[in-house]
C-alpha atoms as a PDB file:
ATOM      1  CA  MET A   1      12.268   6.691   6.805  1.00  0.00           C
ATOM      2  CA  GLU A   2       9.494   6.609   4.198  1.00  0.00           C
ATOM      3  CA  LYS A   3       7.977   3.242   3.376  1.00  0.00           C
ATOM      4  CA  SER A   4       8.096   2.226  -0.301  1.00  0.00           C
ATOM      5  CA  TYR A   5       5.052   0.947  -2.151  1.00  0.00           C
ATOM      6  CA  ILE A   6       4.277  -0.874  -5.348  1.00  0.00           C
ATOM      7  CA  GLU A   7       1.780   0.635  -7.793  1.00  0.00           C
ATOM      8  CA  LEU A   8      -0.039  -1.764 -10.108  1.00  0.00           C
ATOM      9  CA  GLU A   9      -1.673   0.207 -12.929  1.00  0.00           C
ATOM     10  CA  ILE A  10      -3.837  -1.387 -15.637  1.00  0.00           C
ATOM     11  CA  ALA A  11      -5.384   0.435 -18.585  1.00  0.00           C
ATOM     12  CA  PHE A  12      -8.963  -0.642 -19.292  1.00  0.00           C
ATOM     13  CA  ASN A  13     -11.685  -0.267 -21.885  1.00  0.00           C
ATOM     14  CA  GLU A  14     -15.402  -1.038 -21.768  1.00  0.00           C
ATOM     15  CA  SER A  15     -14.873  -4.737 -22.447  1.00  0.00           C
ATOM     16  CA  THR A  16     -12.028  -5.276 -19.958  1.00  0.00           C
ATOM     17  CA  TYR A  17     -13.085  -3.126 -16.971  1.00  0.00           C
ATOM     18  CA  ASP A  18     -15.079  -5.843 -15.176  1.00  0.00           C
ATOM     19  CA  LEU A  19     -12.412  -8.499 -15.788  1.00  0.00           C
ATOM     20  CA  ILE A  20      -9.676  -6.323 -14.312  1.00  0.00           C
ATOM     21  CA  TYR A  21     -11.731  -5.062 -11.367  1.00  0.00           C
ATOM     22  CA  ASN A  22     -12.852  -8.572 -10.444  1.00  0.00           C
ATOM     23  CA  ARG A  23      -9.305  -9.937 -10.708  1.00  0.00           C
ATOM     24  CA  LEU A  24      -8.022  -7.252  -8.327  1.00  0.00           C
ATOM     25  CA  TYR A  25     -10.846  -7.850  -5.886  1.00  0.00           C
ATOM     26  CA  LEU A  26     -10.466 -11.624  -5.916  1.00  0.00           C
ATOM     27  CA  ASN A  27      -6.842 -11.103  -4.880  1.00  0.00           C
ATOM     28  CA  GLY A  28      -8.002  -9.144  -1.834  1.00  0.00           C
ATOM     29  CA  LEU A  29      -7.459  -5.642  -3.247  1.00  0.00           C
ATOM     30  CA  THR A  30     -10.586  -3.572  -2.615  1.00  0.00           C
ATOM     31  CA  THR A  31      -9.037  -0.089  -2.401  1.00  0.00           C
ATOM     32  CA  ILE A  32      -8.945   0.600  -6.138  1.00  0.00           C
ATOM     33  CA  LEU A  33      -8.319   4.013  -7.712  1.00  0.00           C
ATOM     34  CA  GLU A  34      -9.885   4.723 -11.116  1.00  0.00           C
ATOM     35  CA  GLU A  35      -8.088   7.510 -12.950  1.00  0.00           C
ATOM     36  CA  ASN A  36      -7.672   8.529 -16.602  1.00  0.00           C
ATOM     37  CA  GLY A  37      -8.728   5.190 -18.050  1.00  0.00           C
ATOM     38  CA  THR A  38      -6.701   3.090 -15.627  1.00  0.00           C
ATOM     39  CA  LEU A  39      -7.305   1.104 -12.448  1.00  0.00           C
ATOM     40  CA  LYS A  40      -4.582   1.431  -9.808  1.00  0.00           C
ATOM     41  CA  VAL A  41      -3.847  -0.423  -6.587  1.00  0.00           C
ATOM     42  CA  TYR A  42      -1.046   0.061  -4.083  1.00  0.00           C
ATOM     43  CA  LEU A  43       0.767  -2.600  -2.077  1.00  0.00           C
ATOM     44  CA  PRO A  44       3.647  -2.585   0.418  1.00  0.00           C
ATOM     45  CA  GLU A  45       6.935  -3.322  -1.337  1.00  0.00           C
ATOM     46  CA  ALA A  46       7.117  -6.640   0.520  1.00  0.00           C
ATOM     47  CA  ASP A  47       3.998  -7.706  -1.403  1.00  0.00           C
ATOM     48  CA  SER A  48       5.452  -7.033  -4.859  1.00  0.00           C
ATOM     49  CA  HIS A  49       4.983 -10.731  -5.646  1.00  0.00           C
ATOM     50  CA  ILE A  50       1.216 -10.195  -5.418  1.00  0.00           C
ATOM     51  CA  ALA A  51       1.400  -7.537  -8.131  1.00  0.00           C
ATOM     52  CA  GLU A  52       3.394  -9.929 -10.328  1.00  0.00           C
ATOM     53  CA  LYS A  53       0.884 -12.724  -9.647  1.00  0.00           C
ATOM     54  CA  ILE A  54      -2.047 -10.503 -10.631  1.00  0.00           C
ATOM     55  CA  LYS A  55      -0.250  -9.380 -13.783  1.00  0.00           C
ATOM     56  CA  SER A  56       0.332 -13.003 -14.756  1.00  0.00           C
ATOM     57  CA  GLU A  57      -3.323 -13.923 -14.102  1.00  0.00           C
ATOM     58  CA  LEU A  58      -4.596 -10.948 -16.093  1.00  0.00           C
ATOM     59  CA  ILE A  59      -2.476 -11.970 -19.080  1.00  0.00           C
ATOM     60  CA  THR A  60      -2.941 -15.755 -18.985  1.00  0.00           C
ATOM     61  CA  GLU A  61      -6.492 -16.095 -17.629  1.00  0.00           C
ATOM     62  CA  ASP A  62      -8.215 -12.847 -18.627  1.00  0.00           C
ATOM     63  CA  ASN A  63      -6.405 -12.190 -21.933  1.00  0.00           C
ATOM     64  CA  ILE A  64      -5.385  -8.676 -20.911  1.00  0.00           C
ATOM     65  CA  GLN A  65      -2.550  -7.298 -23.047  1.00  0.00           C
ATOM     66  CA  ASP A  66       0.869  -7.154 -21.382  1.00  0.00           C
ATOM     67  CA  ASN A  67       1.502  -3.585 -22.581  1.00  0.00           C
ATOM     68  CA  THR A  68      -1.568  -2.290 -20.679  1.00  0.00           C
ATOM     69  CA  ILE A  69      -0.134  -3.365 -17.295  1.00  0.00           C
ATOM     70  CA  HIS A  70       2.520  -1.360 -15.457  1.00  0.00           C
ATOM     71  CA  ILE A  71       4.185  -2.109 -12.114  1.00  0.00           C
ATOM     72  CA  GLY A  72       6.093   0.757 -10.481  1.00  0.00           C
ATOM     73  CA  ARG A  73       7.712   1.629  -7.141  1.00  0.00           C
ATOM     74  CA  PHE A  74       7.432   4.903  -5.231  1.00  0.00           C
ATOM     75  CA  GLU A  75       7.450   6.431  -1.760  1.00  0.00           C
ATOM     76  CA  ASN A  76       4.491   6.496   0.635  1.00  0.00           C
ATOM     77  CA  LYS A  77       4.135  10.293   0.347  1.00  0.00           C
ATOM     78  CA  ASP A  78       3.325   9.847  -3.361  1.00  0.00           C
ATOM     79  CA  TRP A  79       0.459   7.484  -2.462  1.00  0.00           C
ATOM     80  CA  ASN A  80      -1.153  10.182  -0.362  1.00  0.00           C
ATOM     81  CA  THR A  81      -0.642  12.797  -3.076  1.00  0.00           C
ATOM     82  CA  GLU A  82      -2.355  10.605  -5.664  1.00  0.00           C
ATOM     83  CA  TRP A  83      -5.344   9.952  -3.418  1.00  0.00           C
ATOM     84  CA  GLU A  84      -5.774  13.552  -2.312  1.00  0.00           C
ATOM     85  CA  LYS A  85      -6.399  14.548  -5.921  1.00  0.00           C
ATOM     86  CA  THR A  86      -9.473  12.339  -6.168  1.00  0.00           C
ATOM     87  CA  ILE A  87     -11.098  12.041  -2.734  1.00  0.00           C
ATOM     88  CA  GLU A  88     -14.303  13.970  -2.059  1.00  0.00           C
ATOM     89  CA  PRO A  89     -16.788  13.695   0.849  1.00  0.00           C
ATOM     90  CA  VAL A  90     -19.240  10.804   0.449  1.00  0.00           C
ATOM     91  CA  TYR A  91     -22.786  11.335   1.717  1.00  0.00           C
ATOM     92  CA  ILE A  92     -24.550   8.169   2.924  1.00  0.00           C
ATOM     93  CA  LEU A  93     -28.300   8.700   2.610  1.00  0.00           C
ATOM     94  CA  ASP A  94     -29.283  11.468   5.035  1.00  0.00           C
ATOM     95  CA  LYS A  95     -27.371   9.904   7.937  1.00  0.00           C
ATOM     96  CA  LEU A  96     -23.584   9.977   7.460  1.00  0.00           C
ATOM     97  CA  VAL A  97     -20.849  11.778   5.557  1.00  0.00           C
ATOM     98  CA  VAL A  98     -17.364  10.276   5.190  1.00  0.00           C
ATOM     99  CA  TYR A  99     -14.638  12.786   4.386  1.00  0.00           C
ATOM    100  CA  PRO A 100     -10.829  13.223   4.420  1.00  0.00           C
ATOM    101  CA  SER A 101      -9.279  15.794   6.746  1.00  0.00           C
ATOM    102  CA  TRP A 102      -8.340  18.141   3.907  1.00  0.00           C
ATOM    103  CA  LYS A 103     -12.038  18.451   2.950  1.00  0.00           C
ATOM    104  CA  ARG A 104     -13.235  19.278   6.482  1.00  0.00           C
ATOM    105  CA  GLU A 105     -13.969  22.916   5.688  1.00  0.00           C
ATOM    106  CA  GLU A 106     -16.029  21.994   2.609  1.00  0.00           C
ATOM    107  CA  LEU A 107     -18.546  19.749   4.390  1.00  0.00           C
ATOM    108  CA  ASP A 108     -22.236  20.412   3.912  1.00  0.00           C
ATOM    109  CA  LEU A 109     -23.873  19.393   7.198  1.00  0.00           C
ATOM    110  CA  THR A 110     -27.150  21.215   6.559  1.00  0.00           C
ATOM    111  CA  LYS A 111     -28.969  17.898   6.083  1.00  0.00           C
ATOM    112  CA  GLY A 112     -27.826  16.684   9.484  1.00  0.00           C
ATOM    113  CA  ASN A 113     -25.355  14.078   8.234  1.00  0.00           C
ATOM    114  CA  ILE A 114     -23.114  12.709  11.001  1.00  0.00           C
ATOM    115  CA  PRO A 115     -19.437  13.284  10.056  1.00  0.00           C
ATOM    116  CA  ILE A 116     -16.826  10.502   9.931  1.00  0.00           C
ATOM    117  CA  GLU A 117     -13.241  11.567   9.216  1.00  0.00           C
ATOM    118  CA  ILE A 118     -11.101   8.983   7.421  1.00  0.00           C
ATOM    119  CA  ASP A 119      -7.892   9.817   5.552  1.00  0.00           C
ATOM    120  CA  PRO A 120      -7.050   7.245   2.869  1.00  0.00           C
ATOM    121  CA  LYS A 121      -4.011   5.127   3.629  1.00  0.00           C
ATOM    122  CA  MET A 122      -3.203   1.514   2.821  1.00  0.00           C
ATOM    123  CA  SER A 123      -6.036  -0.150   4.745  1.00  0.00           C
ATOM    124  CA  PHE A 124      -9.502  -0.852   3.378  1.00  0.00           C
ATOM    125  CA  GLY A 125     -12.530   1.267   4.171  1.00  0.00           C
ATOM    126  CA  THR A 126     -12.353   4.917   3.155  1.00  0.00           C
ATOM    127  CA  GLY A 127     -16.030   5.189   2.233  1.00  0.00           C
ATOM    128  CA  HIS A 128     -15.222   5.729  -1.426  1.00  0.00           C
ATOM    129  CA  ASN A 129     -15.845   2.260  -2.821  1.00  0.00           C
ATOM    130  CA  GLU A 130     -19.245   0.783  -3.540  1.00  0.00           C
ATOM    131  CA  THR A 131     -18.946  -1.989  -0.962  1.00  0.00           C
ATOM    132  CA  THR A 132     -18.409   0.399   1.949  1.00  0.00           C
ATOM    133  CA  GLN A 133     -21.182   2.681   0.735  1.00  0.00           C
ATOM    134  CA  LEU A 134     -23.628  -0.219   0.384  1.00  0.00           C
ATOM    135  CA  ILE A 135     -23.072  -1.588   3.880  1.00  0.00           C
ATOM    136  CA  LEU A 136     -23.180   1.884   5.453  1.00  0.00           C
ATOM    137  CA  GLU A 137     -26.509   2.508   3.722  1.00  0.00           C
ATOM    138  CA  GLN A 138     -27.932  -0.727   5.114  1.00  0.00           C
ATOM    139  CA  MET A 139     -26.585  -0.065   8.596  1.00  0.00           C
ATOM    140  CA  SER A 140     -27.981   3.479   8.504  1.00  0.00           C
ATOM    141  CA  THR A 141     -31.391   2.136   7.507  1.00  0.00           C
ATOM    142  CA  PHE A 142     -31.764  -0.909   9.747  1.00  0.00           C
ATOM    143  CA  ILE A 143     -29.730  -0.337  12.921  1.00  0.00           C
ATOM    144  CA  GLN A 144     -32.047   0.585  15.799  1.00  0.00           C
ATOM    145  CA  PRO A 145     -30.151   2.039  18.788  1.00  0.00           C
ATOM    146  CA  ALA A 146     -32.759   0.872  21.310  1.00  0.00           C
ATOM    147  CA  ALA A 147     -32.217  -2.771  20.315  1.00  0.00           C
ATOM    148  CA  ASP A 148     -28.820  -2.874  18.600  1.00  0.00           C
ATOM    149  CA  LYS A 149     -26.335  -2.087  21.355  1.00  0.00           C
ATOM    150  CA  TYR A 150     -23.460  -4.517  20.717  1.00  0.00           C
ATOM    151  CA  LEU A 151     -21.776  -4.955  17.311  1.00  0.00           C
ATOM    152  CA  LEU A 152     -18.986  -7.153  15.943  1.00  0.00           C
ATOM    153  CA  ASP A 153     -16.959  -5.569  13.136  1.00  0.00           C
ATOM    154  CA  PHE A 154     -15.440  -8.557  11.309  1.00  0.00           C
ATOM    155  CA  GLY A 155     -12.365  -7.578   9.253  1.00  0.00           C
ATOM    156  CA  SER A 156     -12.473  -3.984  10.418  1.00  0.00           C
ATOM    157  CA  GLY A 157      -9.834  -2.368   8.168  1.00  0.00           C
ATOM    158  CA  THR A 158      -9.845   1.358   8.964  1.00  0.00           C
ATOM    159  CA  GLY A 159     -12.576   0.767  11.547  1.00  0.00           C
ATOM    160  CA  ILE A 160     -15.120   2.739   9.552  1.00  0.00           C
ATOM    161  CA  LEU A 161     -17.987   0.331  10.308  1.00  0.00           C
ATOM    162  CA  SER A 162     -17.329   0.502  14.048  1.00  0.00           C
ATOM    163  CA  ILE A 163     -17.151   4.295  13.902  1.00  0.00           C
ATOM    164  CA  ALA A 164     -20.389   4.471  11.919  1.00  0.00           C
ATOM    165  CA  ALA A 165     -22.114   2.046  14.291  1.00  0.00           C
ATOM    166  CA  ILE A 166     -21.240   4.105  17.376  1.00  0.00           C
ATOM    167  CA  LYS A 167     -22.337   7.315  15.669  1.00  0.00           C
ATOM    168  CA  LEU A 168     -25.617   5.615  14.673  1.00  0.00           C
ATOM    169  CA  GLY A 169     -26.309   4.799  18.325  1.00  0.00           C
ATOM    170  CA  VAL A 170     -24.687   1.408  18.999  1.00  0.00           C
ATOM    171  CA  LYS A 171     -23.233   1.438  22.519  1.00  0.00           C
ATOM    172  CA  ARG A 172     -20.198  -0.828  22.067  1.00  0.00           C
ATOM    173  CA  THR A 173     -18.366  -2.593  19.259  1.00  0.00           C
ATOM    174  CA  VAL A 174     -15.698  -5.264  19.038  1.00  0.00           C
ATOM    175  CA  ALA A 175     -13.493  -4.803  15.960  1.00  0.00           C
ATOM    176  CA  ILE A 176     -11.326  -7.677  14.734  1.00  0.00           C
ATOM    177  CA  GLU A 177      -8.585  -7.452  12.112  1.00  0.00           C
ATOM    178  CA  ILE A 178      -5.462  -9.483  11.317  1.00  0.00           C
ATOM    179  CA  ASP A 179      -3.533  -6.899   9.266  1.00  0.00           C
ATOM    180  CA  GLU A 180      -1.110  -4.900  11.421  1.00  0.00           C
ATOM    181  CA  ASP A 181      -1.150  -1.712   9.312  1.00  0.00           C
ATOM    182  CA  SER A 182      -4.949  -1.678   9.397  1.00  0.00           C
ATOM    183  CA  LEU A 183      -4.915  -2.040  13.179  1.00  0.00           C
ATOM    184  CA  ILE A 184      -2.599   0.953  13.529  1.00  0.00           C
ATOM    185  CA  ASN A 185      -4.837   3.040  11.270  1.00  0.00           C
ATOM    186  CA  ALA A 186      -7.977   1.955  13.118  1.00  0.00           C
ATOM    187  CA  VAL A 187      -6.592   3.095  16.482  1.00  0.00           C
ATOM    188  CA  GLU A 188      -5.891   6.509  14.947  1.00  0.00           C
ATOM    189  CA  TYR A 189      -9.378   6.816  13.437  1.00  0.00           C
ATOM    190  CA  PHE A 190     -11.165   5.686  16.589  1.00  0.00           C
ATOM    191  CA  GLU A 191      -9.373   8.464  18.480  1.00  0.00           C
ATOM    192  CA  LEU A 192      -9.949  11.036  15.733  1.00  0.00           C
ATOM    193  CA  ASN A 193     -13.685  10.306  15.639  1.00  0.00           C
ATOM    194  CA  GLY A 194     -14.113  10.206  19.407  1.00  0.00           C
ATOM    195  CA  VAL A 195     -15.132   6.549  19.746  1.00  0.00           C
ATOM    196  CA  SER A 196     -12.013   4.985  21.328  1.00  0.00           C
ATOM    197  CA  GLY A 197     -13.797   4.348  24.614  1.00  0.00           C
ATOM    198  CA  ASP A 198     -16.603   2.475  22.865  1.00  0.00           C
ATOM    199  CA  VAL A 199     -14.543   0.062  20.732  1.00  0.00           C
ATOM    200  CA  VAL A 200     -12.501  -3.003  21.706  1.00  0.00           C
ATOM    201  CA  LEU A 201      -9.942  -3.813  18.994  1.00  0.00           C
ATOM    202  CA  HIS A 202      -8.445  -7.304  18.616  1.00  0.00           C
ATOM    203  CA  GLN A 203      -5.750  -8.588  16.275  1.00  0.00           C
ATOM    204  CA  ALA A 204      -7.564 -11.871  15.782  1.00  0.00           C
ATOM    205  CA  ASP A 205      -9.794 -13.959  13.560  1.00  0.00           C
ATOM    206  CA  ILE A 206     -13.432 -14.472  14.495  1.00  0.00           C
ATOM    207  CA  ALA A 207     -12.814 -18.002  15.780  1.00  0.00           C
ATOM    208  CA  GLU A 208     -10.236 -16.684  18.257  1.00  0.00           C
ATOM    209  CA  ILE A 209     -12.352 -14.180  20.180  1.00  0.00           C
ATOM    210  CA  SER A 210     -14.356 -15.097  23.269  1.00  0.00           C
ATOM    211  CA  GLU A 211     -17.055 -12.412  23.039  1.00  0.00           C
ATOM    212  CA  THR A 212     -20.578 -13.569  22.084  1.00  0.00           C
ATOM    213  CA  GLY A 213     -24.138 -12.286  22.273  1.00  0.00           C
ATOM    214  CA  PHE A 214     -23.820  -9.621  19.580  1.00  0.00           C
ATOM    215  CA  ASP A 215     -26.897  -7.768  18.353  1.00  0.00           C
ATOM    216  CA  VAL A 216     -25.191  -7.041  15.021  1.00  0.00           C
ATOM    217  CA  VAL A 217     -22.320  -8.400  12.925  1.00  0.00           C
ATOM    218  CA  ALA A 218     -20.999  -6.242  10.064  1.00  0.00           C
ATOM    219  CA  ALA A 219     -18.433  -7.470   7.534  1.00  0.00           C
ATOM    220  CA  ASN A 220     -16.997  -5.948   4.371  1.00  0.00           C
ATOM    221  CA  ILE A 221     -14.975  -8.943   3.280  1.00  0.00           C
ATOM    222  CA  THR A 222     -14.571 -11.374   0.391  1.00  0.00           C
ATOM    223  CA  SER A 223     -16.734 -14.456  -0.119  1.00  0.00           C
ATOM    224  CA  ASN A 224     -13.830 -16.864   0.404  1.00  0.00           C
ATOM    225  CA  VAL A 225     -13.536 -15.485   3.956  1.00  0.00           C
ATOM    226  CA  ILE A 226     -17.188 -14.906   4.832  1.00  0.00           C
ATOM    227  CA  ILE A 227     -18.643 -18.241   3.671  1.00  0.00           C
ATOM    228  CA  PRO A 228     -16.363 -20.517   5.772  1.00  0.00           C
ATOM    229  CA  ASN A 229     -17.088 -18.294   8.784  1.00  0.00           C
ATOM    230  CA  LEU A 230     -20.893 -18.162   8.619  1.00  0.00           C
ATOM    231  CA  GLY A 231     -21.074 -20.802  11.349  1.00  0.00           C
ATOM    232  CA  ASN A 232     -18.816 -18.703  13.581  1.00  0.00           C
ATOM    233  CA  ILE A 233     -20.901 -15.604  12.863  1.00  0.00           C
ATOM    234  CA  TYR A 234     -24.106 -17.476  13.682  1.00  0.00           C
ATOM    235  CA  GLY A 235     -22.618 -18.531  17.008  1.00  0.00           C
ATOM    236  CA  LYS A 236     -21.624 -14.965  17.895  1.00  0.00           C
ATOM    237  CA  LEU A 237     -25.054 -13.445  17.201  1.00  0.00           C
ATOM    238  CA  LYS A 238     -28.076 -13.392  19.465  1.00  0.00           C
ATOM    239  CA  THR A 239     -31.227 -15.012  18.080  1.00  0.00           C
ATOM    240  CA  GLY A 240     -32.831 -12.318  15.951  1.00  0.00           C
ATOM    241  CA  GLY A 241     -29.456 -10.599  15.561  1.00  0.00           C
ATOM    242  CA  LYS A 242     -28.642  -8.706  12.383  1.00  0.00           C
ATOM    243  CA  LEU A 243     -25.958  -9.566   9.839  1.00  0.00           C
ATOM    244  CA  PHE A 244     -24.697  -7.023   7.290  1.00  0.00           C
ATOM    245  CA  VAL A 245     -22.324  -8.396   4.646  1.00  0.00           C
ATOM    246  CA  THR A 246     -20.746  -6.802   1.598  1.00  0.00           C
ATOM    247  CA  GLY A 247     -17.640  -7.302  -0.528  1.00  0.00           C
ATOM    248  CA  ILE A 248     -19.479  -9.944  -2.548  1.00  0.00           C
ATOM    249  CA  LEU A 249     -19.418  -9.859  -6.346  1.00  0.00           C
ATOM    250  CA  LYS A 250     -22.797  -9.857  -8.100  1.00  0.00           C
ATOM    251  CA  GLU A 251     -21.975 -13.187  -9.705  1.00  0.00           C
ATOM    252  CA  GLU A 252     -21.564 -14.691  -6.212  1.00  0.00           C
ATOM    253  CA  THR A 253     -24.937 -13.433  -4.947  1.00  0.00           C
ATOM    254  CA  GLU A 254     -26.890 -16.654  -5.359  1.00  0.00           C
ATOM    255  CA  THR A 255     -24.108 -18.673  -3.735  1.00  0.00           C
ATOM    256  CA  LEU A 256     -24.065 -16.453  -0.653  1.00  0.00           C
ATOM    257  CA  ILE A 257     -27.856 -16.410  -0.333  1.00  0.00           C
ATOM    258  CA  ASN A 258     -27.853 -20.215  -0.440  1.00  0.00           C
ATOM    259  CA  GLU A 259     -25.118 -20.339   2.218  1.00  0.00           C
ATOM    260  CA  LEU A 260     -27.002 -17.893   4.442  1.00  0.00           C
ATOM    261  CA  THR A 261     -30.126 -20.036   4.166  1.00  0.00           C
ATOM    262  CA  LYS A 262     -28.119 -23.186   4.900  1.00  0.00           C
ATOM    263  CA  HIS A 263     -26.794 -21.545   8.087  1.00  0.00           C
ATOM    264  CA  ASN A 264     -30.314 -20.568   9.211  1.00  0.00           C
ATOM    265  CA  PHE A 265     -30.197 -16.877   8.318  1.00  0.00           C
ATOM    266  CA  LEU A 266     -33.283 -15.166   6.895  1.00  0.00           C
ATOM    267  CA  MET A 267     -32.556 -12.753   4.034  1.00  0.00           C
ATOM    268  CA  LYS A 268     -34.164  -9.349   4.552  1.00  0.00           C
ATOM    269  CA  GLU A 269     -32.597  -7.101   1.899  1.00  0.00           C
ATOM    270  CA  LEU A 270     -30.245  -7.357  -1.070  1.00  0.00           C
ATOM    271  CA  LYS A 271     -28.645  -4.163  -2.411  1.00  0.00           C
ATOM    272  CA  GLN A 272     -26.480  -4.039  -5.525  1.00  0.00           C
ATOM    273  CA  ARG A 273     -24.320  -1.379  -7.147  1.00  0.00           C
ATOM    274  CA  ALA A 274     -21.822  -1.676  -9.979  1.00  0.00           C
ATOM    275  CA  GLU A 275     -20.313  -5.174  -9.558  1.00  0.00           C
ATOM    276  CA  TRP A 276     -21.130  -5.554  -5.876  1.00  0.00           C
ATOM    277  CA  SER A 277     -23.813  -6.996  -3.628  1.00  0.00           C
ATOM    278  CA  ALA A 278     -24.666  -6.262   0.004  1.00  0.00           C
ATOM    279  CA  PHE A 279     -26.838  -8.442   2.234  1.00  0.00           C
ATOM    280  CA  TYR A 280     -28.933  -7.806   5.323  1.00  0.00           C
ATOM    281  CA  ALA A 281     -30.048 -10.996   7.080  1.00  0.00           C
ATOM    282  CA  ILE A 282     -31.427 -12.074  10.462  1.00  0.00           C
ATOM    283  CA  LYS A 283     -30.330 -15.014  12.628  1.00  0.00           C
ATOM    284  CA  GLN A 284     -33.309 -17.340  13.057  1.00  0.00           C
END
């Protein structure tokens, strides 16, 4: 039996784009499709109340017109059809390429990019949003296989950061995620990309896992999750360990830098694209 989903579609213009995008992201929706002057997100039918909540916030807090917002219901197969129209391979520097299975034959691997196959579903991390691209660029630049052998993937979604880490030379990763659909997808992608034997996957929050001594922590997650957990992250990392964080809005950049400093992290690089910031820091 096909699962039903809710589509939340909002028409935008130049003055409302940032307001709408930020509102979606602040409600935990980072897989956002931009198409024909609209922003679309998809939620399980059980989460239809979230779509209604966002609609209400857009109207009352962001002054978005009611007639520009549409909530619809459709079958899971239609979700995949919509995405397949828009998804192209994404090349990350000269290191990685993230692609859907239906684009496998079109890949250009002449530059030596390492392939990662991810088909878009309902979980975060397809390689096609700025946050994933930013953190993959930083990981590709700063991960050193000789030193960085053990990585924690905090809020792993599809598992794309764990897959990338292994393909960049990390020996072992621990991926943690609380969403059940994301966990199911991650298992599939680990197998598909040949890294299942190198990844331990937990349905858990960071405070619940016993593993410590990580060389690297990578997290594509919102500020309201990352900031309260900086102490936990610090405790999981080795001294000198690397932290890669994205999913942070530009307007939150100063706040996160201050929190990193407060928790004894040394900022090494800030990257920004569109509305997003990504951070590379070291545990002191």
